[in-house]
Amino acid sequence: MCAQKGRIYLKDLTIDFDDCKINIRVGAIIKNKNQILLCMIKNTDFWFVPGGRVKTLESTEEAIIRELNEEIGDNFKLLNS
């Protein structure tokens, strides 16, 4: 999958080996008053921390902010990076 940043198309950052692929991913643990934010896939028992794949030319900080905005739909910024 490609995303557009300006006029540059960014692909998921993937490392290919002989018999496998490794996708570089980020995840956020968001704690508020002893509660941790988890996402759930609708109609399943699958829970996960928000996050996703890092794109080429993207820092991990940029990736997690983009993923949080895509998945949760809010304007996030990192406090302790």
C-alpha atoms as a PDB file:
ATOM      1  CA  MET A   1       0.000   0.000   0.000  1.00  0.00           C
ATOM      2  CA  CYS A   2       1.267   3.486  -0.816  1.00  0.00           C
ATOM      3  CA  ALA A   3       0.547   6.779   0.902  1.00  0.00           C
ATOM      4  CA  GLN A   4       1.219  10.180  -0.628  1.00  0.00           C
ATOM      5  CA  LYS A   5       3.375  12.749   1.187  1.00  0.00           C
ATOM      6  CA  GLY A   6       3.510  15.875  -0.937  1.00  0.00           C
ATOM      7  CA  ARG A   7       4.422  14.441  -4.340  1.00  0.00           C
ATOM      8  CA  ILE A   8       6.372  11.479  -2.973  1.00  0.00           C
ATOM      9  CA  TYR A   9       4.572   8.157  -2.674  1.00  0.00           C
ATOM     10  CA  LEU A  10       5.524   6.340   0.525  1.00  0.00           C
ATOM     11  CA  LYS A  11       5.466   2.557   0.747  1.00  0.00           C
ATOM     12  CA  ASP A  12       5.306   0.424   3.859  1.00  0.00           C
ATOM     13  CA  LEU A  13       8.806  -0.168   5.209  1.00  0.00           C
ATOM     14  CA  THR A  14       9.397  -3.896   4.629  1.00  0.00           C
ATOM     15  CA  ILE A  15      12.578  -5.957   4.793  1.00  0.00           C
ATOM     16  CA  ASP A  16      12.639  -9.037   2.539  1.00  0.00           C
ATOM     17  CA  PHE A  17      14.611 -12.120   3.504  1.00  0.00           C
ATOM     18  CA  ASP A  18      14.930 -15.396   1.626  1.00  0.00           C
ATOM     19  CA  ASP A  19      11.920 -17.008   3.259  1.00  0.00           C
ATOM     20  CA  CYS A  20      10.115 -14.201   5.099  1.00  0.00           C
ATOM     21  CA  LYS A  21       9.234 -10.510   5.235  1.00  0.00           C
ATOM     22  CA  ILE A  22       9.548  -8.190   8.201  1.00  0.00           C
ATOM     23  CA  ASN A  23       7.239  -5.181   8.347  1.00  0.00           C
ATOM     24  CA  ILE A  24       8.489  -2.322  10.524  1.00  0.00           C
ATOM     25  CA  ARG A  25       5.663  -1.272  12.836  1.00  0.00           C
ATOM     26  CA  VAL A  26       4.946   1.166  15.668  1.00  0.00           C
ATOM     27  CA  GLY A  27       2.489   0.943  18.539  1.00  0.00           C
ATOM     28  CA  ALA A  28       1.386   3.345  21.261  1.00  0.00           C
ATOM     29  CA  ILE A  29       0.608   2.543  24.865  1.00  0.00           C
ATOM     30  CA  ILE A  30      -1.687   5.333  26.024  1.00  0.00           C
ATOM     31  CA  LYS A  31      -2.401   5.405  29.758  1.00  0.00           C
ATOM     32  CA  ASN A  32      -4.935   7.631  31.479  1.00  0.00           C
ATOM     33  CA  LYS A  33      -5.824   7.244  35.179  1.00  0.00           C
ATOM     34  CA  ASN A  34      -4.656   3.597  35.381  1.00  0.00           C
ATOM     35  CA  GLN A  35      -6.493   2.674  32.160  1.00  0.00           C
ATOM     36  CA  ILE A  36      -4.797   1.698  28.904  1.00  0.00           C
ATOM     37  CA  LEU A  37      -6.348   2.484  25.523  1.00  0.00           C
ATOM     38  CA  LEU A  38      -6.892  -0.596  23.358  1.00  0.00           C
ATOM     39  CA  CYS A  39      -8.540  -0.936  19.954  1.00  0.00           C
ATOM     40  CA  MET A  40     -10.832  -3.808  18.998  1.00  0.00           C
ATOM     41  CA  ILE A  41     -11.766  -5.171  15.600  1.00  0.00           C
ATOM     42  CA  LYS A  42     -15.537  -4.962  15.353  1.00  0.00           C
ATOM     43  CA  ASN A  43     -17.445  -8.225  15.991  1.00  0.00           C
ATOM     44  CA  THR A  44     -14.303 -10.067  17.186  1.00  0.00           C
ATOM     45  CA  ASP A  45     -12.398 -10.712  20.400  1.00  0.00           C
ATOM     46  CA  PHE A  46      -9.186  -9.235  18.909  1.00  0.00           C
ATOM     47  CA  TRP A  47      -7.744  -6.339  20.943  1.00  0.00           C
ATOM     48  CA  PHE A  48      -4.553  -4.396  20.146  1.00  0.00           C
ATOM     49  CA  VAL A  49      -2.669  -1.197  20.934  1.00  0.00           C
ATOM     50  CA  PRO A  50      -3.146   1.488  18.268  1.00  0.00           C
ATOM     51  CA  GLY A  51      -0.375   1.631  15.689  1.00  0.00           C
ATOM     52  CA  GLY A  52       0.650   0.283  12.316  1.00  0.00           C
ATOM     53  CA  ARG A  53       3.337   0.133   9.681  1.00  0.00           C
ATOM     54  CA  VAL A  54       6.095   2.700   9.233  1.00  0.00           C
ATOM     55  CA  LYS A  55       6.347   4.184   5.728  1.00  0.00           C
ATOM     56  CA  THR A  56       9.595   4.837   3.870  1.00  0.00           C
ATOM     57  CA  LEU A  57      11.107   8.271   4.656  1.00  0.00           C
ATOM     58  CA  GLU A  58       8.991   8.463   7.821  1.00  0.00           C
ATOM     59  CA  SER A  59      10.344   8.627  11.372  1.00  0.00           C
ATOM     60  CA  THR A  60       8.811   6.423  14.038  1.00  0.00           C
ATOM     61  CA  GLU A  61       7.412   9.571  15.675  1.00  0.00           C
ATOM     62  CA  GLU A  62       5.721  10.630  12.417  1.00  0.00           C
ATOM     63  CA  ALA A  63       4.421   7.094  11.926  1.00  0.00           C
ATOM     64  CA  ILE A  64       2.783   6.772  15.337  1.00  0.00           C
ATOM     65  CA  ILE A  65       1.158  10.210  15.082  1.00  0.00           C
ATOM     66  CA  ARG A  66      -0.188   9.343  11.600  1.00  0.00           C
ATOM     67  CA  GLU A  67      -1.460   5.963  12.790  1.00  0.00           C
ATOM     68  CA  LEU A  68      -3.159   7.431  15.877  1.00  0.00           C
ATOM     69  CA  ASN A  69      -4.876  10.061  13.740  1.00  0.00           C
ATOM     70  CA  GLU A  70      -5.998   7.383  11.231  1.00  0.00           C
ATOM     71  CA  GLU A  71      -7.261   4.908  13.834  1.00  0.00           C
ATOM     72  CA  ILE A  72      -8.627   7.180  16.537  1.00  0.00           C
ATOM     73  CA  GLY A  73      -9.313  10.348  14.557  1.00  0.00           C
ATOM     74  CA  ASP A  74      -7.899  12.965  16.880  1.00  0.00           C
ATOM     75  CA  ASN A  75      -4.956  15.364  16.762  1.00  0.00           C
ATOM     76  CA  PHE A  76      -2.115  13.737  18.692  1.00  0.00           C
ATOM     77  CA  LYS A  77       1.338  14.977  19.616  1.00  0.00           C
ATOM     78  CA  LEU A  78       4.129  13.182  21.427  1.00  0.00           C
ATOM     79  CA  LEU A  79       4.986  14.437  24.902  1.00  0.00           C
ATOM     80  CA  ASN A  80       8.055  12.315  25.776  1.00  0.00           C
ATOM     81  CA  SER A  81       9.954  11.391  22.651  1.00  0.00           C
END
